[in-house]
Amino acid sequence: MINFDDKRNFYRMMLNSEVVITIIDDEANSQITATCRDLSATGMAIEVEQPIAMSTHVKIKLDSSSEQVQSLDMRGKVVRTDEECEGCYLVGIAIEELD
């Protein structure tokens, strides 16, 4: 059974889904592909090969694997970047807007 001692306001769904991240702070609006590890109503954790700077604003596209569930388009801000191992970074994003 899952231990709910975590003091979060929203439950996190564990995922292993591909997402497309558009970095909207740079002039090129560069895109990277990442893996979404978990998602809640207010944030998400993604796994990337290169770090993303704190406070960077991003757009996130999470496609649905089902026709009955709509894809998610979000805007958010990077609030955490942790290096897990060489070439693997876990980036925390606070969701600011759902499109």
Protein backbone atom coordinates (compact mmCIF):
# COMPACT_ATOMS: atom_id res chain seq x y z
CA MET A 1 0.00 0.00 0.00
CA ILE A 2 1.18 3.53 -0.75
CA ASN A 3 2.20 5.57 2.26
CA PHE A 4 0.46 8.97 2.18
CA ASP A 5 2.72 10.63 4.75
CA ASP A 6 3.88 12.91 1.95
CA LYS A 7 2.59 16.40 2.81
CA ARG A 8 1.77 17.37 -0.78
CA ASN A 9 -1.61 18.91 -1.54
CA PHE A 10 -2.01 16.88 -4.75
CA TYR A 11 -1.30 13.23 -5.44
CA ARG A 12 1.48 12.55 -7.96
CA MET A 13 0.82 10.14 -10.82
CA MET A 14 3.88 8.13 -11.74
CA LEU A 15 4.40 8.19 -15.51
CA ASN A 16 6.98 7.15 -18.02
CA SER A 17 5.71 9.18 -20.98
CA GLU A 18 7.49 11.15 -23.65
CA VAL A 19 6.92 14.91 -23.59
CA VAL A 20 8.07 17.72 -25.87
CA ILE A 21 9.53 20.71 -24.03
CA THR A 22 9.79 24.09 -25.77
CA ILE A 23 12.11 26.52 -24.04
CA ILE A 24 10.39 29.87 -24.50
CA ASP A 25 13.06 31.95 -22.77
CA ASP A 26 15.53 31.69 -25.63
CA GLU A 27 15.14 33.41 -28.99
CA ALA A 28 15.07 30.14 -30.93
CA ASN A 29 12.23 28.53 -28.95
CA SER A 30 14.29 25.34 -28.97
CA GLN A 31 12.55 22.00 -28.43
CA ILE A 32 13.80 18.96 -26.59
CA THR A 33 12.27 15.56 -26.03
CA ALA A 34 12.11 14.40 -22.42
CA THR A 35 10.55 11.69 -20.28
CA CYS A 36 7.85 12.72 -17.82
CA ARG A 37 8.42 10.74 -14.63
CA ASP A 38 5.52 12.10 -12.59
CA LEU A 39 2.71 14.60 -12.84
CA SER A 40 0.43 16.34 -10.35
CA ALA A 41 -2.07 19.19 -10.56
CA THR A 42 0.66 21.76 -9.88
CA GLY A 43 3.89 20.29 -11.21
CA MET A 44 5.83 17.61 -12.96
CA ALA A 45 9.24 15.97 -12.99
CA ILE A 46 10.97 15.32 -16.29
CA GLU A 47 14.15 13.49 -17.17
CA VAL A 48 16.47 15.16 -19.72
CA GLU A 49 20.02 14.72 -21.00
CA GLN A 50 21.03 18.37 -20.47
CA PRO A 51 20.19 20.62 -17.50
CA ILE A 52 17.63 23.40 -17.88
CA ALA A 53 18.38 26.60 -15.97
CA MET A 54 16.28 27.58 -12.96
CA SER A 55 13.37 29.97 -13.68
CA THR A 56 13.36 29.06 -17.38
CA HIS A 57 9.85 29.28 -18.83
CA VAL A 58 8.76 26.29 -20.88
CA LYS A 59 5.83 24.90 -22.85
CA ILE A 60 5.09 21.22 -22.35
CA LYS A 61 3.16 18.91 -24.67
CA LEU A 62 2.09 15.56 -23.22
CA ASP A 63 0.29 13.46 -25.81
CA SER A 64 -2.39 11.03 -24.69
CA SER A 65 -2.16 7.36 -25.58
CA SER A 66 -5.96 7.14 -25.64
CA GLU A 67 -8.45 8.82 -27.96
CA GLN A 68 -10.79 9.28 -24.97
CA VAL A 69 -8.27 11.35 -23.00
CA GLN A 70 -7.22 14.75 -24.28
CA SER A 71 -3.53 15.62 -24.69
CA LEU A 72 -2.13 18.18 -22.25
CA ASP A 73 -0.56 21.48 -23.28
CA MET A 74 0.96 23.37 -20.37
CA ARG A 75 3.19 26.31 -19.56
CA GLY A 76 5.46 26.27 -16.58
CA LYS A 77 8.70 27.34 -14.95
CA VAL A 78 11.72 25.28 -13.96
CA VAL A 79 11.99 25.21 -10.16
CA ARG A 80 14.56 22.45 -9.67
CA THR A 81 17.35 20.71 -11.62
CA ASP A 82 19.20 17.77 -10.07
CA GLU A 83 21.89 15.70 -11.76
CA GLU A 84 21.04 12.03 -11.17
CA CYS A 85 24.03 10.66 -13.06
CA GLU A 86 26.21 11.72 -15.97
CA GLY A 87 23.95 12.79 -18.83
CA CYS A 88 20.73 12.42 -16.81
CA TYR A 89 19.01 15.34 -15.09
CA LEU A 90 15.74 15.40 -13.17
CA VAL A 91 14.00 18.75 -13.72
CA GLY A 92 11.07 19.95 -11.61
CA ILE A 93 8.56 22.19 -13.37
CA ALA A 94 5.83 24.20 -11.64
CA ILE A 95 2.76 24.28 -13.88
CA GLU A 96 1.54 27.86 -14.33
CA GLU A 97 -1.10 27.44 -17.05
CA LEU A 98 -3.02 24.71 -18.85
CA ASP A 99 -3.97 25.43 -22.46
